[in-house]
Amino acid sequence: MFLGHFGAGFAAKAIAPQVSLGWLFVAAQFIDLLWPTLLLAGVERVRIEPGATAVTPLVFEHYPWSHSLAAVIAWAAVVGALYLAVRRDRRGALVLAALVASHWALDAIVHAPDLPLYPGAAMRAGMGAWSSVPLSLAIELPLFAAGAWLYARHTRAADAAGRWGLAALVAFLLAIHAGNLLGPPPPSATAIAWVGQAQWLLVLWAFWIDNHRVRADAPP
């Protein structure tokens, strides 16, 4: 899943308005921000197999430290604890931890049965919505649209950068998703890993946008 995770990050602003959208994106995408680094280190593996699913040509051969349920729960606790230690914001920490954990739940809807329950587990989870492009879009687009709407409803632009920056980010994420669906398969696992690292630019973009928006109920 791609858009659905960002939708969750957007939506969480309604629950934790004091937390920057940048941190919400970090949490919602934390597993996919970690995974490229583990790929580059050779700790986890992915194979490119065109036609593996209708949506993605990637076959996730080995990723227990980023995408097993047990690992994701552990990472959620780590992210929440670090945020609590730095910001002393219990509510924000709980929301960030929940967002990290939500990544596995959302992935389980679309992935083929390849998500391990814990490192070394033979049993894998996955409902396989990626077997159908229309089904995948019917799941991801409403999640993303609802999240973006909630973020826009609970914040307002402080200036033109806050208004047009948000619109540009939403459009850019939609364009990336369209490219993933319609573009050619990636040339190599290494290329996937480096492109995955570029997601940090989306996080920085989110921090920047949030600095140019205020709570909807803030005095003008």
Protein backbone atom coordinates (compact mmCIF):
# COMPACT_ATOMS: atom_id res chain seq x y z
CA MET A 1 0.00 0.00 0.00
CA PHE A 2 1.15 3.54 -0.73
CA LEU A 3 -1.56 6.19 -0.71
CA GLY A 4 -3.42 4.60 2.18
CA HIS A 5 -0.47 5.08 4.53
CA PHE A 6 -0.25 8.77 3.69
CA GLY A 7 -4.00 9.03 4.13
CA ALA A 8 -3.61 7.65 7.65
CA GLY A 9 -0.90 10.21 8.35
CA PHE A 10 -3.08 13.06 7.12
CA ALA A 11 -6.09 11.82 9.09
CA ALA A 12 -4.18 11.57 12.37
CA LYS A 13 -3.90 15.36 12.46
CA ALA A 14 -7.55 15.41 13.56
CA ILE A 15 -6.64 13.32 16.62
CA ALA A 16 -3.28 14.92 17.42
CA PRO A 17 -3.41 18.50 16.10
CA GLN A 18 -0.26 19.42 18.03
CA VAL A 19 1.88 16.91 16.11
CA SER A 20 3.45 18.10 12.88
CA LEU A 21 2.33 16.42 9.66
CA GLY A 22 6.00 15.57 9.16
CA TRP A 23 6.03 13.37 12.26
CA LEU A 24 2.72 11.83 11.28
CA PHE A 25 4.17 10.90 7.88
CA VAL A 26 7.30 9.48 9.53
CA ALA A 27 5.15 7.21 11.70
CA ALA A 28 2.69 6.18 8.99
CA GLN A 29 5.53 5.33 6.59
CA PHE A 30 8.13 4.29 9.16
CA ILE A 31 8.24 0.65 8.03
CA ASP A 32 8.70 1.67 4.39
CA LEU A 33 11.33 4.22 5.39
CA LEU A 34 13.25 1.53 7.26
CA TRP A 35 12.88 -1.18 4.60
CA PRO A 36 15.06 0.48 1.87
CA THR A 37 17.97 0.77 4.29
CA LEU A 38 17.67 -2.92 5.20
CA LEU A 39 17.57 -3.74 1.49
CA LEU A 40 20.77 -1.80 0.85
CA ALA A 41 22.41 -3.53 3.82
CA GLY A 42 21.43 -6.95 2.46
CA VAL A 43 19.44 -7.75 5.59
CA GLU A 44 16.16 -8.07 3.67
CA ARG A 45 15.39 -9.14 0.09
CA VAL A 46 12.93 -8.37 -2.67
CA ARG A 47 12.63 -9.88 -6.15
CA ILE A 48 11.25 -8.21 -9.27
CA GLU A 49 8.83 -10.48 -11.10
CA PRO A 50 6.60 -8.71 -13.66
CA GLY A 51 3.05 -9.97 -13.30
CA ALA A 52 3.54 -11.19 -9.73
CA THR A 53 0.42 -9.17 -8.86
CA ALA A 54 -1.77 -6.86 -10.91
CA VAL A 55 -0.50 -3.85 -8.95
CA THR A 56 3.18 -4.48 -8.20
CA PRO A 57 5.90 -6.66 -9.72
CA LEU A 58 7.65 -6.99 -6.38
CA VAL A 59 7.94 -10.31 -4.57
CA PHE A 60 8.88 -9.70 -0.95
CA GLU A 61 11.10 -12.66 -0.22
CA HIS A 62 12.48 -11.78 3.20
CA TYR A 63 11.59 -8.77 5.34
CA PRO A 64 10.98 -9.94 8.90
CA TRP A 65 12.76 -7.03 10.63
CA SER A 66 10.72 -4.33 8.94
CA HIS A 67 7.41 -5.98 8.09
CA SER A 68 6.67 -8.83 10.51
CA LEU A 69 3.82 -8.10 12.91
CA ALA A 70 6.05 -8.56 15.97
CA ALA A 71 8.73 -6.25 14.57
CA VAL A 72 6.20 -3.59 13.64
CA ILE A 73 4.74 -3.63 17.15
CA ALA A 74 8.26 -3.24 18.55
CA TRP A 75 9.03 -0.37 16.17
CA ALA A 76 5.74 1.28 17.15
CA ALA A 77 6.77 1.17 20.80
CA VAL A 78 10.21 2.59 19.97
CA VAL A 79 8.84 5.48 17.89
CA GLY A 80 6.21 6.32 20.50
CA ALA A 81 8.71 6.16 23.36
CA LEU A 82 11.25 8.36 21.56
CA TYR A 83 8.63 10.99 20.76
CA LEU A 84 7.40 10.92 24.37
CA ALA A 85 10.96 11.32 25.67
CA VAL A 86 11.66 14.29 23.40
CA ARG A 87 8.31 16.10 23.37
CA ARG A 88 6.68 14.95 26.63
CA ASP A 89 3.46 14.57 24.67
CA ARG A 90 1.68 11.38 25.70
CA ARG A 91 -1.20 11.74 23.27
CA GLY A 92 1.11 12.46 20.35
CA ALA A 93 3.30 9.50 21.27
CA LEU A 94 0.30 7.16 21.35
CA VAL A 95 -0.94 8.42 17.99
CA LEU A 96 2.49 7.98 16.40
CA ALA A 97 2.79 4.45 17.80
CA ALA A 98 -0.66 3.61 16.46
CA LEU A 99 0.29 4.95 13.03
CA VAL A 100 3.38 2.75 12.91
CA ALA A 101 1.26 -0.27 13.80
CA SER A 102 -1.40 0.72 11.28
CA HIS A 103 1.12 0.22 8.50
CA TRP A 104 1.09 -3.57 8.96
CA ALA A 105 -2.70 -3.71 9.16
CA LEU A 106 -3.12 -1.73 5.94
CA ASP A 107 -0.44 -3.75 4.17
CA ALA A 108 -2.19 -6.96 5.22
CA ILE A 109 -5.24 -5.88 3.21
CA VAL A 110 -3.39 -5.53 -0.11
CA HIS A 111 -0.33 -7.78 0.09
CA ALA A 112 -0.26 -11.36 -1.08
CA PRO A 113 0.25 -13.68 1.92
CA ASP A 114 3.86 -12.64 2.49
CA LEU A 115 3.77 -10.69 5.78
CA PRO A 116 5.36 -12.78 8.55
CA LEU A 117 3.86 -12.73 12.02
CA TYR A 118 7.34 -12.71 13.57
CA PRO A 119 10.91 -13.28 12.35
CA GLY A 120 11.24 -16.91 11.36
CA ALA A 121 7.49 -17.57 11.26
CA ALA A 122 6.22 -19.88 8.55
CA MET A 123 2.69 -18.45 8.69
CA ARG A 124 2.21 -15.37 6.52
CA ALA A 125 -0.62 -12.84 6.37
CA GLY A 126 -2.09 -11.01 3.40
CA MET A 127 -5.56 -10.66 1.91
CA GLY A 128 -4.29 -10.13 -1.64
CA ALA A 129 -6.17 -7.02 -2.82
CA TRP A 130 -3.19 -6.31 -5.10
CA SER A 131 -4.52 -9.12 -7.30
CA SER A 132 -6.95 -6.54 -8.74
CA VAL A 133 -6.15 -2.96 -9.77
CA PRO A 134 -9.80 -1.78 -9.40
CA LEU A 135 -10.05 -3.37 -5.95
CA SER A 136 -6.76 -1.84 -4.86
CA LEU A 137 -7.82 1.61 -6.06
CA ALA A 138 -11.22 1.21 -4.38
CA ILE A 139 -9.39 0.70 -1.08
CA GLU A 140 -6.53 3.19 -1.33
CA LEU A 141 -8.15 6.21 -3.00
CA PRO A 142 -10.96 6.63 -0.43
CA LEU A 143 -8.48 6.21 2.43
CA PHE A 144 -6.21 8.84 0.93
CA ALA A 145 -9.05 11.23 0.05
CA ALA A 146 -10.59 10.95 3.53
CA GLY A 147 -7.24 11.56 5.20
CA ALA A 148 -6.40 14.60 3.06
CA TRP A 149 -9.90 15.99 3.67
CA LEU A 150 -9.57 15.56 7.44
CA TYR A 151 -6.20 17.31 7.43
CA ALA A 152 -7.57 20.19 5.35
CA ARG A 153 -10.66 20.42 7.58
CA HIS A 154 -8.70 20.56 10.84
CA THR A 155 -6.08 23.02 9.61
CA ARG A 156 -6.12 26.16 7.53
CA ALA A 157 -3.47 27.82 5.43
CA ALA A 158 -1.55 30.61 7.11
CA ASP A 159 -0.30 31.82 3.74
CA ALA A 160 -0.14 30.87 0.08
CA ALA A 161 2.61 28.33 0.76
CA GLY A 162 0.33 26.46 3.14
CA ARG A 163 -2.53 26.46 0.63
CA TRP A 164 -0.71 25.55 -2.57
CA GLY A 165 1.94 23.44 -0.89
CA LEU A 166 -0.72 21.06 0.41
CA ALA A 167 -2.47 20.89 -2.96
CA ALA A 168 0.85 20.19 -4.67
CA LEU A 169 1.72 17.43 -2.20
CA VAL A 170 -1.63 15.70 -2.69
CA ALA A 171 -1.27 15.92 -6.47
CA PHE A 172 2.32 14.67 -6.32
CA LEU A 173 1.41 11.64 -4.22
CA LEU A 174 -1.38 10.78 -6.67
CA ALA A 175 1.08 11.13 -9.56
CA ILE A 176 3.58 8.81 -7.87
CA HIS A 177 0.87 6.21 -7.37
CA ALA A 178 -0.18 6.47 -11.01
CA GLY A 179 3.45 6.07 -12.06
CA ASN A 180 3.80 2.98 -9.89
CA LEU A 181 0.73 1.44 -11.53
CA LEU A 182 1.40 2.42 -15.12
CA GLY A 183 5.19 2.63 -15.32
CA PRO A 184 7.66 -0.12 -16.19
CA PRO A 185 9.05 -2.44 -13.49
CA PRO A 186 12.05 -1.08 -11.59
CA PRO A 187 15.41 -2.14 -13.02
CA SER A 188 16.81 -3.66 -9.83
CA ALA A 189 16.31 -4.12 -6.10
CA THR A 190 19.05 -1.56 -5.50
CA ALA A 191 17.13 1.01 -7.54
CA ILE A 192 14.03 0.27 -5.46
CA ALA A 193 16.01 0.86 -2.28
CA TRP A 194 17.41 4.22 -3.42
CA VAL A 195 14.04 5.45 -4.67
CA GLY A 196 12.59 4.36 -1.34
CA GLN A 197 15.08 6.59 0.46
CA ALA A 198 13.66 9.53 -1.49
CA GLN A 199 10.49 9.22 0.60
CA TRP A 200 12.31 11.25 3.23
CA LEU A 201 11.81 14.23 0.90
CA LEU A 202 8.06 13.75 1.29
CA VAL A 203 8.53 13.86 5.05
CA LEU A 204 10.45 17.14 4.78
CA TRP A 205 7.74 18.51 2.50
CA ALA A 206 5.13 17.61 5.12
CA PHE A 207 7.09 19.43 7.86
CA TRP A 208 7.32 22.48 5.61
CA ILE A 209 3.61 22.48 4.79
CA ASP A 210 2.62 22.11 8.43
CA ASN A 211 4.75 25.13 9.31
CA HIS A 212 2.59 27.15 6.91
CA ARG A 213 -0.75 25.93 8.28
CA VAL A 214 -2.46 26.46 11.64
CA ARG A 215 -5.27 24.74 13.50
CA ALA A 216 -8.66 25.48 11.99
CA ASP A 217 -9.88 26.86 15.32
CA ALA A 218 -6.87 29.16 15.83
CA PRO A 219 -7.61 32.90 15.97
CA PRO A 220 -7.05 34.64 12.61
